[in-house]
PDB file of all heavy atoms in Angstrom:
ATOM      1  N   THR A   1      11.433   2.740  -3.902  1.00  0.00           N
ATOM      2  CA  THR A   1      10.707   3.758  -3.195  1.00  0.00           C
ATOM      3  C   THR A   1       9.611   4.297  -4.066  1.00  0.00           C
ATOM      4  O   THR A   1       9.895   4.562  -5.287  1.00  0.00           O
ATOM      5  CB  THR A   1      11.661   4.895  -2.634  1.00  0.00           C
ATOM      6  OG1 THR A   1      12.219   5.656  -3.746  1.00  0.00           O
ATOM      7  CG2 THR A   1      12.682   4.335  -1.658  1.00  0.00           C
ATOM      8  N   LEU A   2       8.545   4.590  -3.437  1.00  0.00           N
ATOM      9  CA  LEU A   2       7.365   5.229  -4.090  1.00  0.00           C
ATOM     10  C   LEU A   2       7.008   6.485  -3.394  1.00  0.00           C
ATOM     11  O   LEU A   2       6.787   6.349  -2.173  1.00  0.00           O
ATOM     12  CB  LEU A   2       6.157   4.253  -4.246  1.00  0.00           C
ATOM     13  CG  LEU A   2       6.312   2.856  -4.741  1.00  0.00           C
ATOM     14  CD1 LEU A   2       5.123   2.004  -4.611  1.00  0.00           C
ATOM     15  CD2 LEU A   2       6.884   2.910  -6.253  1.00  0.00           C
ATOM     16  N   THR A   3       6.794   7.528  -4.138  1.00  0.00           N
ATOM     17  CA  THR A   3       6.423   8.936  -3.448  1.00  0.00           C
ATOM     18  C   THR A   3       5.393   9.498  -4.241  1.00  0.00           C
ATOM     19  O   THR A   3       5.400   9.547  -5.521  1.00  0.00           O
ATOM     20  CB  THR A   3       7.744   9.774  -3.300  1.00  0.00           C
ATOM     21  OG1 THR A   3       8.758   8.996  -2.673  1.00  0.00           O
ATOM     22  CG2 THR A   3       7.386  10.972  -2.430  1.00  0.00           C
ATOM     23  N   GLY A   4       4.366  10.069  -3.472  1.00  0.00           N
ATOM     24  CA  GLY A   4       3.440  10.878  -4.108  1.00  0.00           C
ATOM     25  C   GLY A   4       2.089  10.673  -3.461  1.00  0.00           C
ATOM     26  O   GLY A   4       1.809   9.633  -2.949  1.00  0.00           O
ATOM     27  N   LYS A   5       1.173  11.595  -3.572  1.00  0.00           N
ATOM     28  CA  LYS A   5      -0.135  11.615  -2.814  1.00  0.00           C
ATOM     29  C   LYS A   5      -1.098  10.463  -3.473  1.00  0.00           C
ATOM     30  O   LYS A   5      -2.010  10.001  -2.838  1.00  0.00           O
ATOM     31  CB  LYS A   5      -0.858  12.924  -3.004  1.00  0.00           C
ATOM     32  CG  LYS A   5      -0.212  14.065  -2.231  1.00  0.00           C
ATOM     33  CD  LYS A   5      -1.000  15.287  -2.152  1.00  0.00           C
ATOM     34  CE  LYS A   5      -0.300  16.349  -1.334  1.00  0.00           C
ATOM     35  NZ  LYS A   5      -0.042  16.035   0.027  1.00  0.00           N
ATOM     36  N   SER A   6      -0.755  10.100  -4.797  1.00  0.00           N
ATOM     37  CA  SER A   6      -1.602   9.125  -5.383  1.00  0.00           C
ATOM     38  C   SER A   6      -1.086   7.723  -5.189  1.00  0.00           C
ATOM     39  O   SER A   6      -1.635   6.734  -5.841  1.00  0.00           O
ATOM     40  CB  SER A   6      -1.837   9.492  -6.844  1.00  0.00           C
ATOM     41  OG  SER A   6      -0.563   9.246  -7.624  1.00  0.00           O
ATOM     42  N   VAL A   7      -0.049   7.483  -4.470  1.00  0.00           N
ATOM     43  CA  VAL A   7       0.638   6.056  -4.336  1.00  0.00           C
ATOM     44  C   VAL A   7      -0.484   5.112  -3.699  1.00  0.00           C
ATOM     45  O   VAL A   7      -0.657   4.106  -4.214  1.00  0.00           O
ATOM     46  CB  VAL A   7       1.842   6.138  -3.511  1.00  0.00           C
ATOM     47  CG1 VAL A   7       2.328   4.831  -3.188  1.00  0.00           C
ATOM     48  CG2 VAL A   7       2.965   6.985  -4.275  1.00  0.00           C
ATOM     49  N   LEU A   8      -0.944   5.639  -2.514  1.00  0.00           N
ATOM     50  CA  LEU A   8      -1.891   4.649  -1.766  1.00  0.00           C
ATOM     51  C   LEU A   8      -3.123   4.082  -2.651  1.00  0.00           C
ATOM     52  O   LEU A   8      -3.249   2.913  -2.704  1.00  0.00           O
ATOM     53  CB  LEU A   8      -2.286   5.281  -0.502  1.00  0.00           C
ATOM     54  CG  LEU A   8      -3.276   4.300   0.364  1.00  0.00           C
ATOM     55  CD1 LEU A   8      -2.506   3.008   0.844  1.00  0.00           C
ATOM     56  CD2 LEU A   8      -3.638   4.965   1.641  1.00  0.00           C
ATOM     57  N   PRO A   9      -3.868   5.036  -3.162  1.00  0.00           N
ATOM     58  CA  PRO A   9      -5.073   4.500  -3.936  1.00  0.00           C
ATOM     59  C   PRO A   9      -4.657   3.622  -5.085  1.00  0.00           C
ATOM     60  O   PRO A   9      -5.395   2.718  -5.434  1.00  0.00           O
ATOM     61  CB  PRO A   9      -5.794   5.736  -4.367  1.00  0.00           C
ATOM     62  CG  PRO A   9      -4.792   6.918  -4.269  1.00  0.00           C
ATOM     63  CD  PRO A   9      -3.863   6.477  -3.140  1.00  0.00           C
ATOM     64  N   GLN A  10      -3.466   3.861  -5.690  1.00  0.00           N
ATOM     65  CA  GLN A  10      -3.111   3.014  -6.755  1.00  0.00           C
ATOM     66  C   GLN A  10      -2.438   1.628  -6.412  1.00  0.00           C
ATOM     67  O   GLN A  10      -2.891   0.681  -7.038  1.00  0.00           O
ATOM     68  CB  GLN A  10      -2.047   3.837  -7.611  1.00  0.00           C
ATOM     69  CG  GLN A  10      -2.567   5.044  -8.369  1.00  0.00           C
ATOM     70  CD  GLN A  10      -1.599   5.669  -9.263  1.00  0.00           C
ATOM     71  OE1 GLN A  10      -1.347   5.128 -10.398  1.00  0.00           O
ATOM     72  NE2 GLN A  10      -1.074   6.746  -8.971  1.00  0.00           N
ATOM     73  N   ILE A  11      -1.722   1.575  -5.338  1.00  0.00           N
ATOM     74  CA  ILE A  11      -1.146   0.360  -4.967  1.00  0.00           C
ATOM     75  C   ILE A  11      -2.225  -0.515  -4.201  1.00  0.00           C
ATOM     76  O   ILE A  11      -2.224  -1.781  -4.286  1.00  0.00           O
ATOM     77  CB  ILE A  11       0.052   0.442  -4.007  1.00  0.00           C
ATOM     78  CG1 ILE A  11      -0.262   1.226  -2.723  1.00  0.00           C
ATOM     79  CG2 ILE A  11       1.240   1.051  -4.839  1.00  0.00           C
ATOM     80  CD1 ILE A  11       1.023   1.357  -1.779  1.00  0.00           C
ATOM     81  N   GLN A  12      -3.316   0.149  -3.730  1.00  0.00           N
ATOM     82  CA  GLN A  12      -4.385  -0.581  -3.202  1.00  0.00           C
ATOM     83  C   GLN A  12      -5.038  -1.462  -4.296  1.00  0.00           C
ATOM     84  O   GLN A  12      -5.648  -2.559  -3.863  1.00  0.00           O
ATOM     85  CB  GLN A  12      -5.479   0.313  -2.682  1.00  0.00           C
ATOM     86  CG  GLN A  12      -5.098   0.945  -1.227  1.00  0.00           C
ATOM     87  CD  GLN A  12      -5.487  -0.026  -0.159  1.00  0.00           C
ATOM     88  OE1 GLN A  12      -4.786  -0.959   0.093  1.00  0.00           O
ATOM     89  NE2 GLN A  12      -6.563   0.311   0.593  1.00  0.00           N
ATOM     90  N   LYS A  13      -4.961  -1.176  -5.510  1.00  0.00           N
ATOM     91  CA  LYS A  13      -5.620  -1.850  -6.663  1.00  0.00           C
ATOM     92  C   LYS A  13      -4.704  -3.063  -7.025  1.00  0.00           C
ATOM     93  O   LYS A  13      -5.226  -3.908  -7.761  1.00  0.00           O
ATOM     94  CB  LYS A  13      -5.912  -0.974  -7.804  1.00  0.00           C
ATOM     95  CG  LYS A  13      -7.035   0.140  -7.372  1.00  0.00           C
ATOM     96  CD  LYS A  13      -7.254   0.971  -8.600  1.00  0.00           C
ATOM     97  CE  LYS A  13      -8.263   2.040  -8.182  1.00  0.00           C
ATOM     98  NZ  LYS A  13      -8.447   2.954  -9.303  1.00  0.00           N
ATOM     99  N   LEU A  14      -3.466  -3.016  -6.546  1.00  0.00           N
ATOM    100  CA  LEU A  14      -2.530  -4.127  -6.982  1.00  0.00           C
ATOM    101  C   LEU A  14      -2.416  -5.220  -6.059  1.00  0.00           C
ATOM    102  O   LEU A  14      -1.836  -6.297  -6.404  1.00  0.00           O
ATOM    103  CB  LEU A  14      -1.158  -3.429  -7.285  1.00  0.00           C
ATOM    104  CG  LEU A  14      -1.161  -2.328  -8.188  1.00  0.00           C
ATOM    105  CD1 LEU A  14       0.257  -1.809  -8.416  1.00  0.00           C
ATOM    106  CD2 LEU A  14      -1.828  -2.601  -9.588  1.00  0.00           C
ATOM    107  N   VAL A  15      -2.823  -5.146  -4.802  1.00  0.00           N
ATOM    108  CA  VAL A  15      -2.716  -6.141  -3.782  1.00  0.00           C
ATOM    109  C   VAL A  15      -4.056  -6.486  -3.118  1.00  0.00           C
ATOM    110  O   VAL A  15      -4.947  -5.558  -2.985  1.00  0.00           O
ATOM    111  CB  VAL A  15      -1.660  -5.690  -2.651  1.00  0.00           C
ATOM    112  CG1 VAL A  15      -0.350  -5.427  -3.327  1.00  0.00           C
ATOM    113  CG2 VAL A  15      -2.164  -4.495  -1.917  1.00  0.00           C
ATOM    114  N   PRO A  16      -4.144  -7.595  -2.501  1.00  0.00           N
ATOM    115  CA  PRO A  16      -5.387  -7.938  -1.787  1.00  0.00           C
ATOM    116  C   PRO A  16      -5.491  -7.451  -0.439  1.00  0.00           C
ATOM    117  O   PRO A  16      -6.605  -7.463   0.250  1.00  0.00           O
ATOM    118  CB  PRO A  16      -5.509  -9.510  -1.915  1.00  0.00           C
ATOM    119  CG  PRO A  16      -4.005  -9.841  -1.905  1.00  0.00           C
ATOM    120  CD  PRO A  16      -3.274  -8.796  -2.638  1.00  0.00           C
ATOM    121  N   SER A  17      -4.412  -6.855   0.136  1.00  0.00           N
ATOM    122  CA  SER A  17      -4.355  -6.399   1.491  1.00  0.00           C
ATOM    123  C   SER A  17      -4.722  -4.911   1.674  1.00  0.00           C
ATOM    124  O   SER A  17      -4.438  -4.152   0.680  1.00  0.00           O
ATOM    125  CB  SER A  17      -3.043  -6.662   2.084  1.00  0.00           C
ATOM    126  OG  SER A  17      -2.499  -8.054   1.878  1.00  0.00           O
ATOM    127  N   ASP A  18      -5.302  -4.600   2.694  1.00  0.00           N
ATOM    128  CA  ASP A  18      -5.705  -3.217   2.883  1.00  0.00           C
ATOM    129  C   ASP A  18      -4.515  -2.382   3.428  1.00  0.00           C
ATOM    130  O   ASP A  18      -4.280  -2.283   4.675  1.00  0.00           O
ATOM    131  CB  ASP A  18      -6.937  -3.113   3.907  1.00  0.00           C
ATOM    132  CG  ASP A  18      -7.458  -1.770   3.936  1.00  0.00           C
ATOM    133  OD1 ASP A  18      -6.959  -0.840   3.280  1.00  0.00           O
ATOM    134  OD2 ASP A  18      -8.419  -1.503   4.729  1.00  0.00           O
ATOM    135  N   LEU A  19      -3.800  -1.679   2.585  1.00  0.00           N
ATOM    136  CA  LEU A  19      -2.606  -0.853   3.086  1.00  0.00           C
ATOM    137  C   LEU A  19      -3.053   0.455   3.657  1.00  0.00           C
ATOM    138  O   LEU A  19      -2.114   1.039   4.278  1.00  0.00           O
ATOM    139  CB  LEU A  19      -1.753  -0.645   1.763  1.00  0.00           C
ATOM    140  CG  LEU A  19      -1.181  -1.924   1.080  1.00  0.00           C
ATOM    141  CD1 LEU A  19      -0.312  -1.493  -0.149  1.00  0.00           C
ATOM    142  CD2 LEU A  19      -0.455  -2.809   1.966  1.00  0.00           C
ATOM    143  N   SER A  20      -4.297   0.795   3.528  1.00  0.00           N
ATOM    144  CA  SER A  20      -4.703   2.085   4.135  1.00  0.00           C
ATOM    145  C   SER A  20      -4.720   1.941   5.666  1.00  0.00           C
ATOM    146  O   SER A  20      -4.713   2.987   6.330  1.00  0.00           O
ATOM    147  CB  SER A  20      -6.131   2.408   3.719  1.00  0.00           C
ATOM    148  OG  SER A  20      -7.069   1.528   4.247  1.00  0.00           O
ATOM    149  N   ARG A  21      -4.630   0.861   6.298  1.00  0.00           N
ATOM    150  CA  ARG A  21      -4.611   0.600   7.655  1.00  0.00           C
ATOM    151  C   ARG A  21      -3.264   0.971   8.201  1.00  0.00           C
ATOM    152  O   ARG A  21      -3.145   1.145   9.545  1.00  0.00           O
ATOM    153  CB  ARG A  21      -4.952  -0.843   8.020  1.00  0.00           C
ATOM    154  CG  ARG A  21      -6.269  -1.291   7.514  1.00  0.00           C
ATOM    155  CD  ARG A  21      -6.496  -2.747   7.930  1.00  0.00           C
ATOM    156  NE  ARG A  21      -5.401  -3.686   7.738  1.00  0.00           N
ATOM    157  CZ  ARG A  21      -5.321  -4.893   8.201  1.00  0.00           C
ATOM    158  NH1 ARG A  21      -6.423  -5.425   8.742  1.00  0.00           N
ATOM    159  NH2 ARG A  21      -4.298  -5.672   7.785  1.00  0.00           N
ATOM    160  N   LEU A  22      -2.196   1.051   7.493  1.00  0.00           N
ATOM    161  CA  LEU A  22      -0.844   1.249   7.841  1.00  0.00           C
ATOM    162  C   LEU A  22      -0.717   2.690   8.388  1.00  0.00           C
ATOM    163  O   LEU A  22      -0.994   3.599   7.780  1.00  0.00           O
ATOM    164  CB  LEU A  22       0.144   0.906   6.868  1.00  0.00           C
ATOM    165  CG  LEU A  22       0.144  -0.547   6.335  1.00  0.00           C
ATOM    166  CD1 LEU A  22       1.257  -0.575   5.244  1.00  0.00           C
ATOM    167  CD2 LEU A  22       0.474  -1.473   7.543  1.00  0.00           C
ATOM    168  N   GLN A  23      -0.058   2.736   9.598  1.00  0.00           N
ATOM    169  CA  GLN A  23       0.357   4.079  10.112  1.00  0.00           C
ATOM    170  C   GLN A  23       1.870   4.223   9.792  1.00  0.00           C
ATOM    171  O   GLN A  23       2.548   3.231   9.549  1.00  0.00           O
ATOM    172  CB  GLN A  23       0.207   4.041  11.668  1.00  0.00           C
ATOM    173  CG  GLN A  23      -1.281   3.890  12.132  1.00  0.00           C
ATOM    174  CD  GLN A  23      -2.081   5.115  11.697  1.00  0.00           C
ATOM    175  OE1 GLN A  23      -1.740   6.249  11.715  1.00  0.00           O
ATOM    176  NE2 GLN A  23      -3.231   4.689  11.029  1.00  0.00           N
ATOM    177  N   PRO A  24       2.260   5.403   9.799  1.00  0.00           N
ATOM    178  CA  PRO A  24       3.757   5.735   9.488  1.00  0.00           C
ATOM    179  C   PRO A  24       4.588   4.770  10.449  1.00  0.00           C
ATOM    180  O   PRO A  24       4.322   4.717  11.647  1.00  0.00           O
ATOM    181  CB  PRO A  24       4.061   7.219   9.786  1.00  0.00           C
ATOM    182  CG  PRO A  24       2.721   7.710   9.494  1.00  0.00           C
ATOM    183  CD  PRO A  24       1.762   6.743   9.997  1.00  0.00           C
ATOM    184  N   GLY A  25       5.580   4.025   9.896  1.00  0.00           N
ATOM    185  CA  GLY A  25       6.494   3.168  10.650  1.00  0.00           C
ATOM    186  C   GLY A  25       5.952   1.751  10.644  1.00  0.00           C
ATOM    187  O   GLY A  25       6.473   0.969  11.466  1.00  0.00           O
ATOM    188  N   GLN A  26       4.894   1.432   9.962  1.00  0.00           N
ATOM    189  CA  GLN A  26       4.389   0.070   9.914  1.00  0.00           C
ATOM    190  C   GLN A  26       4.457  -0.462   8.569  1.00  0.00           C
ATOM    191  O   GLN A  26       4.695   0.314   7.532  1.00  0.00           O
ATOM    192  CB  GLN A  26       2.785   0.039  10.228  1.00  0.00           C
ATOM    193  CG  GLN A  26       2.618   0.467  11.714  1.00  0.00           C
ATOM    194  CD  GLN A  26       1.103   0.510  12.087  1.00  0.00           C
ATOM    195  OE1 GLN A  26       0.233   0.585  11.180  1.00  0.00           O
ATOM    196  NE2 GLN A  26       0.826   0.306  13.447  1.00  0.00           N
ATOM    197  N   ALA A  27       4.470  -1.796   8.314  1.00  0.00           N
ATOM    198  CA  ALA A  27       4.637  -2.440   7.067  1.00  0.00           C
ATOM    199  C   ALA A  27       3.642  -3.521   6.975  1.00  0.00           C
ATOM    200  O   ALA A  27       3.045  -4.048   7.967  1.00  0.00           O
ATOM    201  CB  ALA A  27       5.998  -2.944   7.093  1.00  0.00           C
ATOM    202  N   GLN A  28       3.400  -4.025   5.700  1.00  0.00           N
ATOM    203  CA  GLN A  28       2.544  -5.129   5.316  1.00  0.00           C
ATOM    204  C   GLN A  28       3.133  -6.127   4.394  1.00  0.00           C
ATOM    205  O   GLN A  28       3.630  -5.647   3.340  1.00  0.00           O
ATOM    206  CB  GLN A  28       1.137  -4.591   4.773  1.00  0.00           C
ATOM    207  CG  GLN A  28       0.339  -5.574   4.232  1.00  0.00           C
ATOM    208  CD  GLN A  28      -0.438  -6.431   5.248  1.00  0.00           C
ATOM    209  OE1 GLN A  28      -1.054  -5.857   6.208  1.00  0.00           O
ATOM    210  NE2 GLN A  28      -0.353  -7.724   5.195  1.00  0.00           N
ATOM    211  N   TYR A  29       3.258  -7.369   4.800  1.00  0.00           N
ATOM    212  CA  TYR A  29       3.610  -8.422   3.847  1.00  0.00           C
ATOM    213  C   TYR A  29       2.494  -8.714   2.999  1.00  0.00           C
ATOM    214  O   TYR A  29       1.308  -8.911   3.498  1.00  0.00           O
ATOM    215  CB  TYR A  29       4.065  -9.626   4.641  1.00  0.00           C
ATOM    216  CG  TYR A  29       4.214 -10.840   3.745  1.00  0.00           C
ATOM    217  CD1 TYR A  29       5.323 -11.048   2.832  1.00  0.00           C
ATOM    218  CD2 TYR A  29       3.270 -11.874   3.773  1.00  0.00           C
ATOM    219  CE1 TYR A  29       5.424 -12.148   2.031  1.00  0.00           C
ATOM    220  CE2 TYR A  29       3.401 -13.015   2.969  1.00  0.00           C
ATOM    221  CZ  TYR A  29       4.509 -13.193   2.158  1.00  0.00           C
ATOM    222  OH  TYR A  29       4.568 -14.246   1.321  1.00  0.00           O
ATOM    223  N   THR A  30       2.517  -8.803   1.604  1.00  0.00           N
ATOM    224  CA  THR A  30       1.436  -8.989   0.846  1.00  0.00           C
ATOM    225  C   THR A  30       1.890  -9.631  -0.442  1.00  0.00           C
ATOM    226  O   THR A  30       2.999  -9.938  -0.640  1.00  0.00           O
ATOM    227  CB  THR A  30       0.661  -7.752   0.631  1.00  0.00           C
ATOM    228  OG1 THR A  30      -0.651  -8.035  -0.049  1.00  0.00           O
ATOM    229  CG2 THR A  30       1.330  -6.664  -0.110  1.00  0.00           C
ATOM    230  N   VAL A  31       0.942  -9.688  -1.457  1.00  0.00           N
ATOM    231  CA  VAL A  31       1.334 -10.193  -2.769  1.00  0.00           C
ATOM    232  C   VAL A  31       0.731  -9.261  -3.863  1.00  0.00           C
ATOM    233  O   VAL A  31      -0.296  -8.621  -3.816  1.00  0.00           O
ATOM    234  CB  VAL A  31       0.764 -11.631  -3.042  1.00  0.00           C
ATOM    235  CG1 VAL A  31       1.519 -12.633  -2.146  1.00  0.00           C
ATOM    236  CG2 VAL A  31      -0.691 -11.664  -2.604  1.00  0.00           C
ATOM    237  N   LEU A  32       1.570  -9.189  -4.992  1.00  0.00           N
ATOM    238  CA  LEU A  32       1.064  -8.571  -6.243  1.00  0.00           C
ATOM    239  C   LEU A  32       0.217  -9.621  -6.991  1.00  0.00           C
ATOM    240  O   LEU A  32       0.730 -10.782  -7.084  1.00  0.00           O
ATOM    241  CB  LEU A  32       2.156  -8.040  -7.036  1.00  0.00           C
ATOM    242  CG  LEU A  32       2.980  -6.797  -6.607  1.00  0.00           C
ATOM    243  CD1 LEU A  32       4.071  -6.579  -7.515  1.00  0.00           C
ATOM    244  CD2 LEU A  32       2.099  -5.618  -6.351  1.00  0.00           C
ATOM    245  N   LEU A  33      -1.012  -9.203  -7.392  1.00  0.00           N
ATOM    246  CA  LEU A  33      -1.776 -10.257  -8.105  1.00  0.00           C
ATOM    247  C   LEU A  33      -2.007 -10.000  -9.584  1.00  0.00           C
ATOM    248  O   LEU A  33      -2.081  -8.743 -10.000  1.00  0.00           O
ATOM    249  CB  LEU A  33      -3.179 -10.263  -7.532  1.00  0.00           C
ATOM    250  CG  LEU A  33      -3.263 -10.807  -6.065  1.00  0.00           C
ATOM    251  CD1 LEU A  33      -4.627 -10.789  -5.569  1.00  0.00           C
ATOM    252  CD2 LEU A  33      -2.631 -12.245  -5.984  1.00  0.00           C
TER     253      LEU A  33
END
Protein backbone atom coordinates (compact mmCIF):
# COMPACT_ATOMS: atom_id res chain seq x y z
CA THR A 1 0.00 0.00 0.00
CA LEU A 2 1.17 3.53 -0.80
CA THR A 3 -0.26 6.53 1.00
CA GLY A 4 0.46 10.24 0.71
CA LYS A 5 -0.26 13.34 -1.38
CA SER A 6 2.95 12.88 -3.36
CA VAL A 7 2.26 9.27 -4.40
CA LEU A 8 0.63 10.02 -7.76
CA PRO A 9 3.23 12.41 -9.22
CA GLN A 10 6.01 10.04 -8.16
CA ILE A 11 4.55 6.78 -9.49
CA GLN A 12 3.64 8.58 -12.72
CA LYS A 13 7.39 8.76 -13.42
CA LEU A 14 7.85 5.02 -12.93
CA VAL A 15 5.26 3.71 -15.41
CA PRO A 16 4.30 4.55 -19.03
CA SER A 17 0.56 4.58 -18.23
CA ASP A 18 -1.33 7.69 -17.16
CA LEU A 19 -2.48 6.88 -13.63
CA SER A 20 -3.95 10.36 -13.16
CA ARG A 21 -6.99 9.20 -15.16
CA LEU A 22 -8.03 6.80 -12.43
CA GLN A 23 -11.03 7.60 -10.26
CA PRO A 24 -11.41 6.09 -6.77
CA GLY A 25 -12.35 2.44 -7.19
CA GLN A 26 -10.51 2.07 -10.51
CA ALA A 27 -7.27 0.25 -11.35
CA GLN A 28 -4.63 0.14 -14.08
CA TYR A 29 -2.57 -2.79 -15.26
CA THR A 30 0.85 -1.44 -16.23
CA VAL A 31 4.61 -2.03 -16.08
CA LEU A 32 7.52 -0.63 -14.09
CA LEU A 33 10.26 0.44 -16.51
